[in-house]
Protein backbone atom coordinates (compact mmCIF):
# COMPACT_ATOMS: atom_id res chain seq x y z
CA MET A 1 149.01 127.46 120.95
CA ILE A 2 150.38 125.90 117.47
CA LEU A 3 150.46 122.35 119.46
CA ASN A 4 146.79 122.68 120.38
CA ARG A 5 145.60 123.83 117.07
CA PHE A 6 147.45 120.68 115.59
CA PHE A 7 145.84 118.32 118.19
CA LYS A 8 142.30 120.11 117.24
CA LEU A 9 142.71 119.69 113.65
CA SER A 10 144.19 116.05 114.37
CA ARG A 11 140.96 115.07 116.25
CA GLN A 12 138.83 116.55 113.25
CA PHE A 13 140.81 114.62 110.75
CA SER A 14 140.37 111.58 112.87
CA ALA A 15 136.82 111.84 113.02
CA ALA A 16 136.39 112.56 109.30
CA LEU A 17 138.40 109.36 108.59
CA ILE A 18 135.77 107.44 110.84
CA VAL A 19 132.72 109.01 109.23
CA LEU A 20 133.73 108.94 105.69
CA PRO A 21 133.74 105.07 105.16
CA ILE A 22 130.29 105.21 106.80
CA VAL A 23 128.93 107.53 104.35
CA VAL A 24 130.59 105.77 101.68
CA VAL A 25 129.31 102.21 102.32
CA THR A 26 125.85 103.33 103.08
CA SER A 27 125.46 105.71 100.20
CA PRO A 28 124.60 103.09 97.45
CA VAL A 29 121.91 101.52 99.94
CA LEU A 30 120.14 104.85 100.25
CA ALA A 31 120.52 105.52 96.44
CA GLU A 32 119.12 102.04 95.97
CA ASP A 33 115.91 103.07 98.31
CA ASP A 34 115.37 106.13 96.58
CA THR A 35 115.35 104.44 93.35
CA ALA A 36 113.08 101.70 94.29
CA TYR A 37 110.51 104.49 95.60
CA LEU A 38 110.79 106.63 92.47
CA ALA A 39 110.17 103.31 90.47
CA MET A 40 106.87 102.71 92.39
CA ILE A 41 103.85 103.51 90.59
CA ASP A 42 102.31 106.86 92.01
CA GLY A 43 99.01 106.26 93.73
CA ASP A 44 97.11 106.42 96.96
CA GLY A 45 99.15 104.16 99.50
CA LYS A 46 102.40 104.66 97.74
CA ASP A 47 103.96 106.22 100.84
CA PHE A 48 102.43 104.12 103.41
CA ALA A 49 103.28 100.91 101.40
CA TYR A 50 106.84 102.03 101.10
CA LEU A 51 107.16 103.00 104.78
CA VAL A 52 105.93 99.73 105.89
CA CYS A 53 107.40 97.30 103.30
CA SER A 54 110.96 98.86 103.08
CA ASP A 55 111.27 98.42 106.74
CA CYS A 56 112.04 94.96 106.13
CA HIS A 57 112.40 94.26 102.60
CA ALA A 58 114.34 96.01 99.58
CA MET A 59 111.49 97.55 97.73
CA GLN A 60 112.51 95.72 94.63
CA HIS A 61 111.86 92.30 96.17
CA VAL A 62 107.97 93.49 96.67
CA LEU A 63 107.74 95.18 93.50
CA GLN A 64 108.67 92.20 91.59
CA LYS A 65 105.74 90.30 93.15
CA ARG A 66 102.32 89.81 91.45
CA TYR A 67 100.03 88.59 93.85
CA SER A 68 96.14 88.77 93.66
CA ARG A 69 94.54 90.97 96.42
CA ARG A 70 93.99 87.93 98.32
CA GLY A 71 98.10 86.92 98.17
CA TRP A 72 98.74 90.28 99.08
CA ARG A 73 96.55 90.16 101.97
CA ASP A 74 97.90 86.54 103.02
CA ALA A 75 101.49 88.12 102.71
CA ILE A 76 100.74 90.85 105.11
CA THR A 77 99.17 88.30 107.43
CA ARG A 78 102.10 85.98 107.03
CA MET A 79 104.58 88.87 107.51
CA THR A 80 102.68 89.91 110.97
CA LEU A 81 102.33 86.32 112.14
CA ASP A 82 105.52 84.93 111.24
CA PHE A 83 107.96 87.79 110.91
CA GLY A 84 106.85 90.14 113.47
CA MET A 85 105.67 93.02 111.52
CA ALA A 86 103.54 95.43 113.66
CA GLU A 87 99.66 94.67 113.52
CA LEU A 88 98.16 97.04 110.92
CA GLU A 89 95.05 99.09 111.51
CA ALA A 90 91.99 98.43 109.51
CA ASN A 91 92.43 101.59 107.63
CA GLU A 92 96.26 101.12 106.83
CA ARG A 93 95.77 97.53 105.81
CA THR A 94 92.90 98.40 103.47
CA LEU A 95 95.14 101.49 102.05
CA ILE A 96 98.36 98.99 101.23
CA LEU A 97 96.07 96.11 99.90
CA ASP A 98 94.38 98.73 97.76
CA TYR A 99 97.66 100.02 96.60
CA LEU A 100 99.43 96.75 95.78
CA SER A 101 96.53 95.01 94.33
CA ARG A 102 95.88 97.81 92.04
CA TYR A 103 99.53 98.40 90.78
CA TYR A 104 101.07 95.09 91.64
CA SER A 105 98.91 92.25 90.78
CA PRO A 106 98.55 89.79 87.85
CA GLY A 107 95.63 91.91 86.24
CA SER A 108 97.25 95.31 87.28
CA ILE A 109 97.59 98.39 85.06
CA ARG A 110 101.26 98.06 85.15
């Protein structure tokens, strides 16, 4: 009985030793993503732009860009053709383009 409890606790402890380093290592990444999302300007398309762009990029990489609407359109096309990003529906493409060109372009309000 005591031996069974010892082995049960030992397995739980071993599992914690395996999981804990994963949590510690990934926590800064999750915190960085949360910070990047919070740093984004609120507006229509923010959530979708974050969802699509952060699938491949750190958002900071995207947010430091200042493309015109045409530049953002070309970037999306390049990501789709050259890097395997899923093709966006027309309304999805428009939503992202509207958001990025309004808040992250050379003449943006930011």
